[in-house]
């Protein structure tokens, strides 16, 4: 399974225990509708609802420090809670009973030295993302249905591995070229009937438009 990692400029904070609730880390690991930096020829944005299946179906998600499996800070559904709100994927990591090394790490959040989160994911299905080309030729990938593996406070916003996304983009371009050729042939033959319905359905399924 191919796992991707992304980081967004989000605010991460350590909230002190109030009214008997445990001390916890609170923030957003992902933000809806916000365009990413250039990822090497394309940008990304996350559609609202992209994490709804991961949450409702109970993906086994860890909270890690810098995506390090040796530094576990929490786990769903007990010490890590995930929810979609109006902004994005909200994360709460309970610190009650956490081991000393986790407590030591959280001091960096309290001081403001660490303030960003990242998340590791894969597409939940073949329809988990879509592509479109904007005016001027800029390519945009929309993440629509994701499987979650971990959420992580991160020290550095590392440049993400985009090899999986690049393959998805190549597939989009190949499909676009194939469908465009089909449409051109149908126009030349003047047989835009049943064939047209099939091609249009294919276009709509993959977020493409008639040339």
Protein backbone atom coordinates (compact mmCIF):
# COMPACT_ATOMS: atom_id res chain seq x y z
CA UNK A 1 0.00 0.00 0.00
CA UNK A 2 1.32 3.42 -0.99
CA UNK A 3 1.24 5.96 1.86
CA UNK A 4 1.52 9.71 1.30
CA UNK A 5 2.22 12.46 3.84
CA UNK A 6 1.10 16.06 3.74
CA UNK A 7 1.54 19.07 6.00
CA UNK A 8 -0.54 22.23 6.22
CA UNK A 9 0.13 25.49 8.04
CA UNK A 10 -2.14 24.86 11.03
CA UNK A 11 -2.12 26.04 14.62
CA UNK A 12 -1.19 23.38 17.17
CA UNK A 13 -1.55 24.07 20.88
CA UNK A 14 -1.29 22.42 24.27
CA UNK A 15 -4.38 23.04 26.35
CA UNK A 16 -4.09 22.92 30.11
CA UNK A 17 -6.50 20.76 32.09
CA UNK A 18 -9.70 22.63 32.87
CA UNK A 19 -12.83 21.58 34.79
CA UNK A 20 -11.36 18.16 35.40
CA UNK A 21 -10.66 17.35 31.73
CA UNK A 22 -7.24 15.86 30.88
CA UNK A 23 -4.49 18.00 29.43
CA UNK A 24 -4.48 17.57 25.66
CA UNK A 25 -2.94 18.59 22.36
CA UNK A 26 -5.45 20.25 20.04
CA UNK A 27 -5.13 21.27 16.42
CA UNK A 28 -5.96 20.53 12.79
CA UNK A 29 -3.95 17.99 10.82
CA UNK A 30 -5.60 19.07 7.56
CA UNK A 31 -7.60 22.04 6.30
CA UNK A 32 -10.44 21.94 3.78
CA UNK A 33 -10.39 23.96 0.58
CA UNK A 34 -6.92 25.39 1.12
CA UNK A 35 -4.53 25.07 -1.80
CA UNK A 36 -1.19 23.44 -1.02
CA UNK A 37 2.21 24.69 -2.09
CA UNK A 38 3.45 23.56 -5.49
CA UNK A 39 4.16 19.85 -5.18
CA UNK A 40 6.19 19.58 -8.35
CA UNK A 41 3.91 20.54 -11.25
CA UNK A 42 0.59 20.44 -9.38
CA UNK A 43 -1.15 21.61 -6.22
CA UNK A 44 -3.66 19.87 -3.94
CA UNK A 45 -6.71 20.69 -1.91
CA UNK A 46 -8.84 18.59 0.42
CA UNK A 47 -12.58 18.29 -0.12
CA UNK A 48 -14.90 18.56 2.85
CA UNK A 49 -15.88 15.04 3.84
CA UNK A 50 -12.58 13.48 2.72
CA UNK A 51 -12.08 12.03 6.22
CA UNK A 52 -15.70 11.12 7.00
CA UNK A 53 -15.34 7.45 6.06
CA UNK A 54 -12.05 7.14 7.94
CA UNK A 55 -13.80 8.43 11.06
CA UNK A 56 -17.12 6.60 10.71
CA UNK A 57 -15.51 3.28 9.78
CA UNK A 58 -13.02 3.54 12.63
CA UNK A 59 -9.62 3.60 10.92
CA UNK A 60 -6.95 2.56 13.41
CA UNK A 61 -5.03 5.83 13.61
CA UNK A 62 -2.01 6.69 15.77
CA UNK A 63 -0.76 10.03 16.93
CA UNK A 64 3.01 9.98 16.44
CA UNK A 65 5.80 12.48 16.90
CA UNK A 66 7.37 13.28 13.52
CA UNK A 67 5.72 10.14 12.06
CA UNK A 68 8.05 8.04 14.23
CA UNK A 69 6.36 4.74 15.20
CA UNK A 70 8.63 4.58 18.25
CA UNK A 71 7.10 7.77 19.65
CA UNK A 72 3.40 6.99 20.08
CA UNK A 73 1.38 9.79 21.65
CA UNK A 74 -2.14 8.43 21.24
CA UNK A 75 -4.43 6.04 19.38
CA UNK A 76 -8.05 6.05 18.29
CA UNK A 77 -10.60 5.76 19.70
CA UNK A 78 -9.41 6.29 23.28
CA UNK A 79 -6.48 8.70 23.61
CA UNK A 80 -6.77 10.15 20.09
CA UNK A 81 -10.01 11.70 18.85
CA UNK A 82 -10.64 12.78 15.28
CA UNK A 83 -13.51 14.82 13.88
CA UNK A 84 -14.34 16.89 10.83
CA UNK A 85 -15.39 20.45 11.61
CA UNK A 86 -15.93 23.47 9.39
CA UNK A 87 -12.17 23.98 9.02
CA UNK A 88 -10.79 20.49 8.49
CA UNK A 89 -9.62 17.41 10.39
CA UNK A 90 -9.63 18.29 14.08
CA UNK A 91 -7.29 16.34 16.35
CA UNK A 92 -7.31 15.93 20.13
CA UNK A 93 -4.61 13.88 21.87
CA UNK A 94 -5.19 13.15 25.55
CA UNK A 95 -2.07 13.34 27.70
CA UNK A 96 -3.46 11.89 30.92
CA UNK A 97 -1.28 8.93 31.86
CA UNK A 98 1.08 9.52 28.94
CA UNK A 99 4.67 8.25 29.41
CA UNK A 100 7.40 10.68 30.38
CA UNK A 101 8.90 10.89 26.88
CA UNK A 102 5.55 12.09 25.50
CA UNK A 103 5.30 14.69 28.25
CA UNK A 104 8.81 15.90 27.42
CA UNK A 105 7.93 16.26 23.74
CA UNK A 106 4.83 18.31 24.49
CA UNK A 107 6.98 20.99 26.13
CA UNK A 108 8.08 21.97 22.61
CA UNK A 109 4.44 22.61 21.71
CA UNK A 110 3.82 24.61 24.86
CA UNK A 111 6.88 26.77 24.09
CA UNK A 112 5.74 27.28 20.49
CA UNK A 113 8.77 25.51 19.03
CA UNK A 114 6.52 22.94 17.32
CA UNK A 115 3.24 24.27 15.92
CA UNK A 116 2.41 22.22 12.81
CA UNK A 117 0.83 18.86 12.15
CA UNK A 118 1.09 16.37 9.30
CA UNK A 119 -1.01 13.37 8.35
CA UNK A 120 -0.25 10.09 6.58
CA UNK A 121 -2.87 8.72 4.20
CA UNK A 122 -3.70 6.68 1.15
CA UNK A 123 -6.65 6.87 -1.22
CA UNK A 124 -9.57 4.84 0.09
CA UNK A 125 -10.65 3.80 -3.42
CA UNK A 126 -9.93 4.48 -7.07
CA UNK A 127 -12.30 7.44 -6.78
CA UNK A 128 -10.48 8.84 -3.77
CA UNK A 129 -9.06 11.75 -5.77
CA UNK A 130 -9.76 13.73 -8.92
CA UNK A 131 -7.85 16.09 -11.18
CA UNK A 132 -8.70 19.21 -13.15
CA UNK A 133 -6.77 21.66 -15.23
CA UNK A 134 -7.23 25.37 -14.57
CA UNK A 135 -6.92 28.21 -17.02
CA UNK A 136 -3.24 28.56 -17.80
CA UNK A 137 -2.61 24.83 -17.53
CA UNK A 138 -2.15 24.52 -13.74
CA UNK A 139 -3.05 21.03 -12.52
CA UNK A 140 -5.01 20.62 -9.28
CA UNK A 141 -5.58 17.38 -7.39
CA UNK A 142 -8.59 17.16 -5.07
CA UNK A 143 -8.44 14.62 -2.24
CA UNK A 144 -11.95 13.25 -1.73
CA UNK A 145 -11.92 9.99 0.25
CA UNK A 146 -8.89 9.05 2.35
CA UNK A 147 -7.67 6.24 4.58
CA UNK A 148 -5.81 7.60 7.62
CA UNK A 149 -2.74 6.04 9.21
CA UNK A 150 -1.36 8.66 11.57
CA UNK A 151 -1.41 12.31 12.54
CA UNK A 152 1.83 13.83 13.79
CA UNK A 153 3.15 17.04 15.29
CA UNK A 154 6.20 17.76 13.16
CA UNK A 155 9.39 19.70 13.76
CA UNK A 156 10.03 20.52 10.09
CA UNK A 157 7.48 20.75 7.28
CA UNK A 158 9.33 18.24 5.10
CA UNK A 159 8.75 18.34 1.34
CA UNK A 160 6.22 15.55 0.75
CA UNK A 161 6.80 12.44 -1.33
CA UNK A 162 4.61 12.98 -4.38
CA UNK A 163 5.40 9.85 -6.36
CA UNK A 164 1.93 8.36 -5.77
CA UNK A 165 0.22 11.60 -6.79
CA UNK A 166 2.45 11.86 -9.86
CA UNK A 167 1.30 8.43 -11.00
CA UNK A 168 -2.31 9.50 -10.49
CA UNK A 169 -1.64 12.60 -12.59
CA UNK A 170 -0.07 10.51 -15.35
CA UNK A 171 -3.17 8.30 -15.37
CA UNK A 172 -5.40 11.38 -15.64
CA UNK A 173 -3.41 12.70 -18.59
CA UNK A 174 -3.49 9.33 -20.36
CA UNK A 175 -7.22 9.02 -19.82
CA UNK A 176 -7.82 12.58 -20.98
CA UNK A 177 -5.86 11.95 -24.18
CA UNK A 178 -7.73 8.67 -24.79
CA UNK A 179 -11.18 10.18 -24.25
CA UNK A 180 -10.32 13.25 -26.33
CA UNK A 181 -9.33 10.95 -29.19
CA UNK A 182 -12.61 9.04 -28.83
CA UNK A 183 -14.65 12.24 -28.94
CA UNK A 184 -12.71 13.53 -31.96
CA UNK A 185 -13.40 10.27 -33.77
CA UNK A 186 -17.10 10.41 -32.94
CA UNK A 187 -17.33 13.99 -34.16
CA UNK A 188 -15.60 13.04 -37.41
CA UNK A 189 -17.98 10.11 -37.89
CA UNK A 190 -20.96 12.25 -36.86
CA UNK A 191 -22.21 9.45 -34.60
CA UNK A 192 -22.65 11.22 -31.28
CA UNK A 193 -25.53 9.01 -30.14
CA UNK A 194 -25.19 6.03 -27.82
CA UNK A 195 -21.43 6.34 -28.04
CA UNK A 196 -21.70 9.94 -26.93
CA UNK A 197 -23.55 8.96 -23.77
CA UNK A 198 -20.83 6.44 -22.93
CA UNK A 199 -18.02 8.93 -23.47
CA UNK A 200 -19.78 11.71 -21.56
CA UNK A 201 -20.37 9.35 -18.64
CA UNK A 202 -16.67 8.50 -18.62
CA UNK A 203 -15.74 12.17 -18.72
CA UNK A 204 -17.99 13.08 -15.82
CA UNK A 205 -16.78 10.13 -13.74
CA UNK A 206 -13.20 11.33 -13.98
CA UNK A 207 -13.92 15.05 -13.73
CA UNK A 208 -13.07 15.70 -17.38
CA UNK A 209 -14.77 17.98 -19.89
CA UNK A 210 -15.48 17.67 -23.58
CA UNK A 211 -12.72 19.20 -25.72
